[in-house]
Amino acid sequence: MAEVYLVYRVTPSRSDVNYDELKNTIKKALEPKYRVDKVEEEDIGFGIKALMIYVRMPEESGEHSSDEVENILSSIEGVGSIELVYFTRLGF
């Protein structure tokens, strides 16, 4: 079965966010429905970081969709903005 690989850049809503706590909250919100491969911190500047969220989901969008992932991410307290920076189909 093919999967879709999505990479999101999530920026916090405030500068004093606890990044480890935000990472854990994001993982808990997305899993187990969506698979979070990794979450990386990316320096933006002035001590502010973005989180790069690497998510896999089944290609069949019947019950899974990127819109749902974005809705989940945007509903998390501490998330300021979400940007889909990369997506591809993984199939063998």
PDB file of N, CA and C in Angstrom:
ATOM      1  N   MET A   1       0.844  -1.176   0.000  1.00  0.00           N
ATOM      2  CA  MET A   1       0.000   0.000   0.000  1.00  0.00           C
ATOM      3  C   MET A   1       0.892   1.243   0.000  1.00  0.00           C
ATOM      4  N   ALA A   2       0.558   2.176  -0.836  1.00  0.00           N
ATOM      5  CA  ALA A   2       1.334   3.418  -0.930  1.00  0.00           C
ATOM      6  C   ALA A   2       0.961   4.359   0.206  1.00  0.00           C
ATOM      7  N   GLU A   3       1.917   5.213   0.527  1.00  0.00           N
ATOM      8  CA  GLU A   3       1.708   6.217   1.565  1.00  0.00           C
ATOM      9  C   GLU A   3       2.043   7.590   1.000  1.00  0.00           C
ATOM     10  N   VAL A   4       1.573   8.605   1.680  1.00  0.00           N
ATOM     11  CA  VAL A   4       1.915   9.979   1.355  1.00  0.00           C
ATOM     12  C   VAL A   4       2.771  10.505   2.505  1.00  0.00           C
ATOM     13  N   TYR A   5       3.852  11.166   2.150  1.00  0.00           N
ATOM     14  CA  TYR A   5       4.777  11.717   3.140  1.00  0.00           C
ATOM     15  C   TYR A   5       4.627  13.232   3.122  1.00  0.00           C
ATOM     16  N   LEU A   6       4.309  13.807   4.276  1.00  0.00           N
ATOM     17  CA  LEU A   6       4.076  15.241   4.404  1.00  0.00           C
ATOM     18  C   LEU A   6       5.093  15.842   5.366  1.00  0.00           C
ATOM     19  N   VAL A   7       5.598  17.008   5.038  1.00  0.00           N
ATOM     20  CA  VAL A   7       6.496  17.727   5.941  1.00  0.00           C
ATOM     21  C   VAL A   7       5.899  19.105   6.183  1.00  0.00           C
ATOM     22  N   TYR A   8       5.648  19.395   7.463  1.00  0.00           N
ATOM     23  CA  TYR A   8       5.064  20.666   7.866  1.00  0.00           C
ATOM     24  C   TYR A   8       6.074  21.475   8.668  1.00  0.00           C
ATOM     25  N   ARG A   9       6.039  22.788   8.467  1.00  0.00           N
ATOM     26  CA  ARG A   9       6.792  23.717   9.315  1.00  0.00           C
ATOM     27  C   ARG A   9       5.766  24.362  10.250  1.00  0.00           C
ATOM     28  N   VAL A  10       5.942  24.112  11.535  1.00  0.00           N
ATOM     29  CA  VAL A  10       5.036  24.639  12.548  1.00  0.00           C
ATOM     30  C   VAL A  10       5.796  25.680  13.359  1.00  0.00           C
ATOM     31  N   THR A  11       5.271  26.890  13.394  1.00  0.00           N
ATOM     32  CA  THR A  11       5.892  27.931  14.203  1.00  0.00           C
ATOM     33  C   THR A  11       5.024  28.172  15.441  1.00  0.00           C
ATOM     34  N   PRO A  12       5.672  28.434  16.560  1.00  0.00           N
ATOM     35  CA  PRO A  12       4.920  28.630  17.804  1.00  0.00           C
ATOM     36  C   PRO A  12       4.191  29.966  17.829  1.00  0.00           C
ATOM     37  N   SER A  13       3.173  30.019  18.671  1.00  0.00           N
ATOM     38  CA  SER A  13       2.384  31.243  18.789  1.00  0.00           C
ATOM     39  C   SER A  13       3.043  32.279  19.692  1.00  0.00           C
ATOM     40  N   ARG A  14       4.035  31.833  20.464  1.00  0.00           N
ATOM     41  CA  ARG A  14       4.742  32.770  21.347  1.00  0.00           C
ATOM     42  C   ARG A  14       6.209  32.350  21.454  1.00  0.00           C
ATOM     43  N   SER A  15       7.046  33.259  21.874  1.00  0.00           N
ATOM     44  CA  SER A  15       8.489  32.996  21.894  1.00  0.00           C
ATOM     45  C   SER A  15       8.948  32.173  23.095  1.00  0.00           C
ATOM     46  N   ASP A  16       8.144  32.101  24.148  1.00  0.00           N
ATOM     47  CA  ASP A  16       8.570  31.377  25.349  1.00  0.00           C
ATOM     48  C   ASP A  16       8.002  29.956  25.424  1.00  0.00           C
ATOM     49  N   VAL A  17       7.652  29.387  24.291  1.00  0.00           N
ATOM     50  CA  VAL A  17       7.077  28.044  24.251  1.00  0.00           C
ATOM     51  C   VAL A  17       8.114  26.999  24.686  1.00  0.00           C
ATOM     52  N   ASN A  18       7.665  25.963  25.349  1.00  0.00           N
ATOM     53  CA  ASN A  18       8.507  24.824  25.690  1.00  0.00           C
ATOM     54  C   ASN A  18       8.468  23.880  24.489  1.00  0.00           C
ATOM     55  N   TYR A  19       9.565  23.829  23.724  1.00  0.00           N
ATOM     56  CA  TYR A  19       9.589  23.075  22.477  1.00  0.00           C
ATOM     57  C   TYR A  19       9.429  21.574  22.697  1.00  0.00           C
ATOM     58  N   ASP A  20      10.026  21.031  23.741  1.00  0.00           N
ATOM     59  CA  ASP A  20       9.882  19.601  24.012  1.00  0.00           C
ATOM     60  C   ASP A  20       8.431  19.250  24.312  1.00  0.00           C
ATOM     61  N   GLU A  21       7.778  20.090  25.080  1.00  0.00           N
ATOM     62  CA  GLU A  21       6.368  19.865  25.413  1.00  0.00           C
ATOM     63  C   GLU A  21       5.496  19.975  24.159  1.00  0.00           C
ATOM     64  N   LEU A  22       5.787  20.957  23.309  1.00  0.00           N
ATOM     65  CA  LEU A  22       5.024  21.126  22.076  1.00  0.00           C
ATOM     66  C   LEU A  22       5.218  19.931  21.150  1.00  0.00           C
ATOM     67  N   LYS A  23       6.440  19.431  21.046  1.00  0.00           N
ATOM     68  CA  LYS A  23       6.706  18.238  20.218  1.00  0.00           C
ATOM     69  C   LYS A  23       5.883  17.058  20.693  1.00  0.00           C
ATOM     70  N   ASN A  24       5.888  16.809  22.006  1.00  0.00           N
ATOM     71  CA  ASN A  24       5.133  15.681  22.560  1.00  0.00           C
ATOM     72  C   ASN A  24       3.633  15.848  22.336  1.00  0.00           C
ATOM     73  N   THR A  25       3.131  17.047  22.481  1.00  0.00           N
ATOM     74  CA  THR A  25       1.705  17.316  22.266  1.00  0.00           C
ATOM     75  C   THR A  25       1.327  17.048  20.815  1.00  0.00           C
ATOM     76  N   ILE A  26       2.167  17.458  19.891  1.00  0.00           N
ATOM     77  CA  ILE A  26       1.908  17.233  18.466  1.00  0.00           C
ATOM     78  C   ILE A  26       1.897  15.743  18.157  1.00  0.00           C
ATOM     79  N   LYS A  27       2.882  15.009  18.654  1.00  0.00           N
ATOM     80  CA  LYS A  27       2.930  13.561  18.411  1.00  0.00           C
ATOM     81  C   LYS A  27       1.691  12.873  18.957  1.00  0.00           C
ATOM     82  N   LYS A  28       1.300  13.215  20.183  1.00  0.00           N
ATOM     83  CA  LYS A  28       0.124  12.594  20.805  1.00  0.00           C
ATOM     84  C   LYS A  28      -1.151  12.916  20.034  1.00  0.00           C
ATOM     85  N   ALA A  29      -1.248  14.130  19.495  1.00  0.00           N
ATOM     86  CA  ALA A  29      -2.442  14.535  18.763  1.00  0.00           C
ATOM     87  C   ALA A  29      -2.568  13.805  17.424  1.00  0.00           C
ATOM     88  N   LEU A  30      -1.444  13.517  16.767  1.00  0.00           N
ATOM     89  CA  LEU A  30      -1.482  12.901  15.440  1.00  0.00           C
ATOM     90  C   LEU A  30      -1.494  11.375  15.472  1.00  0.00           C
ATOM     91  N   GLU A  31      -0.780  10.787  16.405  1.00  0.00           N
ATOM     92  CA  GLU A  31      -0.697   9.323  16.456  1.00  0.00           C
ATOM     93  C   GLU A  31      -1.868   8.763  17.247  1.00  0.00           C
ATOM     94  N   PRO A  32      -2.328   7.584  17.002  1.00  0.00           N
ATOM     95  CA  PRO A  32      -1.810   6.588  16.057  1.00  0.00           C
ATOM     96  C   PRO A  32      -2.401   6.685  14.658  1.00  0.00           C
ATOM     97  N   LYS A  33      -3.356   7.592  14.436  1.00  0.00           N
ATOM     98  CA  LYS A  33      -3.986   7.682  13.114  1.00  0.00           C
ATOM     99  C   LYS A  33      -2.976   8.034  12.030  1.00  0.00           C
ATOM    100  N   TYR A  34      -2.068   8.931  12.358  1.00  0.00           N
ATOM    101  CA  TYR A  34      -1.004   9.325  11.433  1.00  0.00           C
ATOM    102  C   TYR A  34       0.327   8.970  12.067  1.00  0.00           C
ATOM    103  N   ARG A  35       1.287   8.605  11.244  1.00  0.00           N
ATOM    104  CA  ARG A  35       2.600   8.210  11.761  1.00  0.00           C
ATOM    105  C   ARG A  35       3.550   9.402  11.703  1.00  0.00           C
ATOM    106  N   VAL A  36       4.061   9.789  12.856  1.00  0.00           N
ATOM    107  CA  VAL A  36       5.038  10.875  12.922  1.00  0.00           C
ATOM    108  C   VAL A  36       6.424  10.232  12.923  1.00  0.00           C
ATOM    109  N   ASP A  37       7.167  10.404  11.828  1.00  0.00           N
ATOM    110  CA  ASP A  37       8.508   9.808  11.726  1.00  0.00           C
ATOM    111  C   ASP A  37       9.512  10.552  12.586  1.00  0.00           C
ATOM    112  N   LYS A  38       9.444  11.877  12.547  1.00  0.00           N
ATOM    113  CA  LYS A  38      10.364  12.666  13.378  1.00  0.00           C
ATOM    114  C   LYS A  38       9.876  14.094  13.477  1.00  0.00           C
ATOM    115  N   VAL A  39      10.400  14.770  14.472  1.00  0.00           N
ATOM    116  CA  VAL A  39      10.136  16.192  14.682  1.00  0.00           C
ATOM    117  C   VAL A  39      11.492  16.845  14.934  1.00  0.00           C
ATOM    118  N   GLU A  40      11.838  17.809  14.086  1.00  0.00           N
ATOM    119  CA  GLU A  40      13.124  18.502  14.201  1.00  0.00           C
ATOM    120  C   GLU A  40      12.897  19.975  14.509  1.00  0.00           C
ATOM    121  N   GLU A  41      13.837  20.552  15.204  1.00  0.00           N
ATOM    122  CA  GLU A  41      13.811  21.989  15.456  1.00  0.00           C
ATOM    123  C   GLU A  41      14.636  22.689  14.384  1.00  0.00           C
ATOM    124  N   GLU A  42      14.115  23.795  13.886  1.00  0.00           N
ATOM    125  CA  GLU A  42      14.799  24.590  12.869  1.00  0.00           C
ATOM    126  C   GLU A  42      14.905  26.026  13.391  1.00  0.00           C
ATOM    127  N   ASP A  43      16.118  26.531  13.505  1.00  0.00           N
ATOM    128  CA  ASP A  43      16.316  27.900  13.980  1.00  0.00           C
ATOM    129  C   ASP A  43      15.768  28.901  12.978  1.00  0.00           C
ATOM    130  N   ILE A  44      14.986  29.849  13.480  1.00  0.00           N
ATOM    131  CA  ILE A  44      14.465  30.930  12.652  1.00  0.00           C
ATOM    132  C   ILE A  44      15.289  32.181  12.901  1.00  0.00           C
ATOM    133  N   GLY A  45      15.548  32.466  14.169  1.00  0.00           N
ATOM    134  CA  GLY A  45      16.338  33.637  14.552  1.00  0.00           C
ATOM    135  C   GLY A  45      15.842  34.208  15.858  1.00  0.00           C
ATOM    136  N   PHE A  46      16.720  34.899  16.551  1.00  0.00           N
ATOM    137  CA  PHE A  46      16.398  35.540  17.821  1.00  0.00           C
ATOM    138  C   PHE A  46      15.872  34.541  18.856  1.00  0.00           C
ATOM    139  N   GLY A  47      16.389  33.321  18.809  1.00  0.00           N
ATOM    140  CA  GLY A  47      15.992  32.297  19.765  1.00  0.00           C
ATOM    141  C   GLY A  47      14.684  31.605  19.438  1.00  0.00           C
ATOM    142  N   ILE A  48      14.047  31.987  18.350  1.00  0.00           N
ATOM    143  CA  ILE A  48      12.784  31.373  17.939  1.00  0.00           C
ATOM    144  C   ILE A  48      13.077  30.223  16.980  1.00  0.00           C
ATOM    145  N   LYS A  49      12.343  29.141  17.177  1.00  0.00           N
ATOM    146  CA  LYS A  49      12.525  27.959  16.332  1.00  0.00           C
ATOM    147  C   LYS A  49      11.190  27.556  15.726  1.00  0.00           C
ATOM    148  N   ALA A  50      11.270  26.866  14.613  1.00  0.00           N
ATOM    149  CA  ALA A  50      10.106  26.217  14.010  1.00  0.00           C
ATOM    150  C   ALA A  50      10.305  24.721  14.209  1.00  0.00           C
ATOM    151  N   LEU A  51       9.225  24.002  14.201  1.00  0.00           N
ATOM    152  CA  LEU A  51       9.299  22.548  14.275  1.00  0.00           C
ATOM    153  C   LEU A  51       8.974  21.984  12.905  1.00  0.00           C
ATOM    154  N   MET A  52       9.837  21.113  12.426  1.00  0.00           N
ATOM    155  CA  MET A  52       9.597  20.409  11.177  1.00  0.00           C
ATOM    156  C   MET A  52       8.991  19.054  11.549  1.00  0.00           C
ATOM    157  N   ILE A  53       7.753  18.819  11.108  1.00  0.00           N
ATOM    158  CA  ILE A  53       7.000  17.633  11.460  1.00  0.00           C
ATOM    159  C   ILE A  53       6.923  16.739  10.227  1.00  0.00           C
ATOM    160  N   TYR A  54       7.429  15.514  10.325  1.00  0.00           N
ATOM    161  CA  TYR A  54       7.453  14.551   9.231  1.00  0.00           C
ATOM    162  C   TYR A  54       6.368  13.502   9.483  1.00  0.00           C
ATOM    163  N   VAL A  55       5.343  13.500   8.623  1.00  0.00           N
ATOM    164  CA  VAL A  55       4.153  12.677   8.849  1.00  0.00           C
ATOM    165  C   VAL A  55       3.916  11.754   7.652  1.00  0.00           C
ATOM    166  N   ARG A  56       3.561  10.495   7.954  1.00  0.00           N
ATOM    167  CA  ARG A  56       3.149   9.547   6.919  1.00  0.00           C
ATOM    168  C   ARG A  56       1.671   9.255   7.098  1.00  0.00           C
ATOM    169  N   MET A  57       0.999   9.061   5.958  1.00  0.00           N
ATOM    170  CA  MET A  57      -0.400   8.672   6.004  1.00  0.00           C
ATOM    171  C   MET A  57      -0.712   7.799   4.798  1.00  0.00           C
ATOM    172  N   PRO A  58      -1.711   6.930   4.906  1.00  0.00           N
ATOM    173  CA  PRO A  58      -2.089   6.104   3.758  1.00  0.00           C
ATOM    174  C   PRO A  58      -2.532   6.975   2.582  1.00  0.00           C
ATOM    175  N   GLU A  59      -2.238   6.500   1.388  1.00  0.00           N
ATOM    176  CA  GLU A  59      -2.598   7.269   0.199  1.00  0.00           C
ATOM    177  C   GLU A  59      -4.114   7.388   0.029  1.00  0.00           C
ATOM    178  N   GLU A  60      -4.829   6.347   0.385  1.00  0.00           N
ATOM    179  CA  GLU A  60      -6.283   6.400   0.277  1.00  0.00           C
ATOM    180  C   GLU A  60      -6.791   7.454   1.245  1.00  0.00           C
ATOM    181  N   SER A  61      -7.386   8.485   0.736  1.00  0.00           N
ATOM    182  CA  SER A  61      -7.794   9.603   1.588  1.00  0.00           C
ATOM    183  C   SER A  61      -9.209   9.450   2.126  1.00  0.00           C
ATOM    184  N   GLY A  62      -9.764   8.246   2.106  1.00  0.00           N
ATOM    185  CA  GLY A  62     -11.105   8.031   2.616  1.00  0.00           C
ATOM    186  C   GLY A  62     -11.261   8.503   4.048  1.00  0.00           C
ATOM    187  N   GLU A  63     -10.403   8.031   4.934  1.00  0.00           N
ATOM    188  CA  GLU A  63     -10.508   8.459   6.324  1.00  0.00           C
ATOM    189  C   GLU A  63      -9.291   9.260   6.783  1.00  0.00           C
ATOM    190  N   HIS A  64      -8.321   9.430   5.937  1.00  0.00           N
ATOM    191  CA  HIS A  64      -7.120  10.196   6.258  1.00  0.00           C
ATOM    192  C   HIS A  64      -6.956  11.301   5.221  1.00  0.00           C
ATOM    193  N   SER A  65      -6.600  12.492   5.660  1.00  0.00           N
ATOM    194  CA  SER A  65      -6.351  13.565   4.695  1.00  0.00           C
ATOM    195  C   SER A  65      -5.402  14.592   5.279  1.00  0.00           C
ATOM    196  N   SER A  66      -4.716  15.297   4.380  1.00  0.00           N
ATOM    197  CA  SER A  66      -3.804  16.347   4.836  1.00  0.00           C
ATOM    198  C   SER A  66      -4.581  17.485   5.485  1.00  0.00           C
ATOM    199  N   ASP A  67      -5.817  17.721   5.050  1.00  0.00           N
ATOM    200  CA  ASP A  67      -6.643  18.750   5.686  1.00  0.00           C
ATOM    201  C   ASP A  67      -6.866  18.413   7.157  1.00  0.00           C
ATOM    202  N   GLU A  68      -7.107  17.146   7.440  1.00  0.00           N
ATOM    203  CA  GLU A  68      -7.316  16.737   8.827  1.00  0.00           C
ATOM    204  C   GLU A  68      -6.044  16.933   9.644  1.00  0.00           C
ATOM    205  N   VAL A  69      -4.882  16.606   9.063  1.00  0.00           N
ATOM    206  CA  VAL A  69      -3.615  16.811   9.762  1.00  0.00           C
ATOM    207  C   VAL A  69      -3.455  18.292  10.099  1.00  0.00           C
ATOM    208  N   GLU A  70      -3.731  19.161   9.145  1.00  0.00           N
ATOM    209  CA  GLU A  70      -3.601  20.603   9.371  1.00  0.00           C
ATOM    210  C   GLU A  70      -4.592  21.097  10.421  1.00  0.00           C
ATOM    211  N   ASN A  71      -5.796  20.555  10.423  1.00  0.00           N
ATOM    212  CA  ASN A  71      -6.786  20.930  11.439  1.00  0.00           C
ATOM    213  C   ASN A  71      -6.338  20.501  12.827  1.00  0.00           C
ATOM    214  N   ILE A  72      -5.776  19.316  12.925  1.00  0.00           N
ATOM    215  CA  ILE A  72      -5.272  18.822  14.208  1.00  0.00           C
ATOM    216  C   ILE A  72      -4.142  19.725  14.691  1.00  0.00           C
ATOM    217  N   LEU A  73      -3.191  20.011  13.801  1.00  0.00           N
ATOM    218  CA  LEU A  73      -2.047  20.848  14.182  1.00  0.00           C
ATOM    219  C   LEU A  73      -2.496  22.246  14.608  1.00  0.00           C
ATOM    220  N   SER A  74      -3.424  22.834  13.866  1.00  0.00           N
ATOM    221  CA  SER A  74      -3.842  24.199  14.183  1.00  0.00           C
ATOM    222  C   SER A  74      -4.664  24.284  15.470  1.00  0.00           C
ATOM    223  N   SER A  75      -5.219  23.161  15.912  1.00  0.00           N
ATOM    224  CA  SER A  75      -6.018  23.166  17.140  1.00  0.00           C
ATOM    225  C   SER A  75      -5.171  23.015  18.405  1.00  0.00           C
ATOM    226  N   ILE A  76      -3.885  22.769  18.243  1.00  0.00           N
ATOM    227  CA  ILE A  76      -2.992  22.558  19.387  1.00  0.00           C
ATOM    228  C   ILE A  76      -2.582  23.898  19.983  1.00  0.00           C
ATOM    229  N   GLU A  77      -2.736  24.016  21.291  1.00  0.00           N
ATOM    230  CA  GLU A  77      -2.338  25.240  21.977  1.00  0.00           C
ATOM    231  C   GLU A  77      -0.826  25.430  21.848  1.00  0.00           C
ATOM    232  N   GLY A  78      -0.414  26.615  21.484  1.00  0.00           N
ATOM    233  CA  GLY A  78       1.005  26.920  21.308  1.00  0.00           C
ATOM    234  C   GLY A  78       1.429  26.942  19.860  1.00  0.00           C
ATOM    235  N   VAL A  79       0.567  26.441  18.944  1.00  0.00           N
ATOM    236  CA  VAL A  79       0.883  26.446  17.515  1.00  0.00           C
ATOM    237  C   VAL A  79       0.392  27.758  16.926  1.00  0.00           C
ATOM    238  N   GLY A  80       1.311  28.478  16.271  1.00  0.00           N
ATOM    239  CA  GLY A  80       0.967  29.762  15.666  1.00  0.00           C
ATOM    240  C   GLY A  80       0.596  29.639  14.209  1.00  0.00           C
ATOM    241  N   SER A  81       1.468  29.013  13.429  1.00  0.00           N
ATOM    242  CA  SER A  81       1.181  28.848  12.002  1.00  0.00           C
ATOM    243  C   SER A  81       1.699  27.500  11.517  1.00  0.00           C
ATOM    244  N   ILE A  82       1.100  27.061  10.421  1.00  0.00           N
ATOM    245  CA  ILE A  82       1.437  25.766   9.827  1.00  0.00           C
ATOM    246  C   ILE A  82       1.666  25.982   8.339  1.00  0.00           C
ATOM    247  N   GLU A  83       2.736  25.388   7.834  1.00  0.00           N
ATOM    248  CA  GLU A  83       3.023  25.496   6.408  1.00  0.00           C
ATOM    249  C   GLU A  83       3.418  24.113   5.897  1.00  0.00           C
ATOM    250  N   LEU A  84       2.734  23.630   4.876  1.00  0.00           N
ATOM    251  CA  LEU A  84       3.122  22.383   4.224  1.00  0.00           C
ATOM    252  C   LEU A  84       4.286  22.716   3.300  1.00  0.00           C
ATOM    253  N   VAL A  85       5.470  22.184   3.607  1.00  0.00           N
ATOM    254  CA  VAL A  85       6.660  22.543   2.825  1.00  0.00           C
ATOM    255  C   VAL A  85       7.063  21.464   1.826  1.00  0.00           C
ATOM    256  N   TYR A  86       6.552  20.252   2.018  1.00  0.00           N
ATOM    257  CA  TYR A  86       6.947  19.171   1.115  1.00  0.00           C
ATOM    258  C   TYR A  86       5.942  18.040   1.226  1.00  0.00           C
ATOM    259  N   PHE A  87       5.638  17.422   0.100  1.00  0.00           N
ATOM    260  CA  PHE A  87       4.856  16.185   0.140  1.00  0.00           C
ATOM    261  C   PHE A  87       5.238  15.340  -1.069  1.00  0.00           C
ATOM    262  N   THR A  88       5.125  14.034  -0.891  1.00  0.00           N
ATOM    263  CA  THR A  88       5.430  13.105  -1.964  1.00  0.00           C
ATOM    264  C   THR A  88       4.702  11.808  -1.712  1.00  0.00           C
ATOM    265  N   ARG A  89       4.585  11.031  -2.742  1.00  0.00           N
ATOM    266  CA  ARG A  89       3.988   9.697  -2.636  1.00  0.00           C
ATOM    267  C   ARG A  89       5.095   8.694  -2.452  1.00  0.00           C
ATOM    268  N   LEU A  90       4.913   7.810  -1.455  1.00  0.00           N
ATOM    269  CA  LEU A  90       5.860   6.731  -1.225  1.00  0.00           C
ATOM    270  C   LEU A  90       5.181   5.429  -1.653  1.00  0.00           C
ATOM    271  N   GLY A  91       5.672   4.810  -2.679  1.00  0.00           N
ATOM    272  CA  GLY A  91       5.074   3.575  -3.140  1.00  0.00           C
ATOM    273  C   GLY A  91       6.123   2.668  -3.775  1.00  0.00           C
ATOM    274  N   PHE A  92       5.964   1.399  -3.564  1.00  0.00           N
ATOM    275  CA  PHE A  92       6.928   0.442  -4.096  1.00  0.00           C
ATOM    276  C   PHE A  92       6.236  -0.625  -4.892  1.00  0.00           C
TER     277      PHE A  92
END
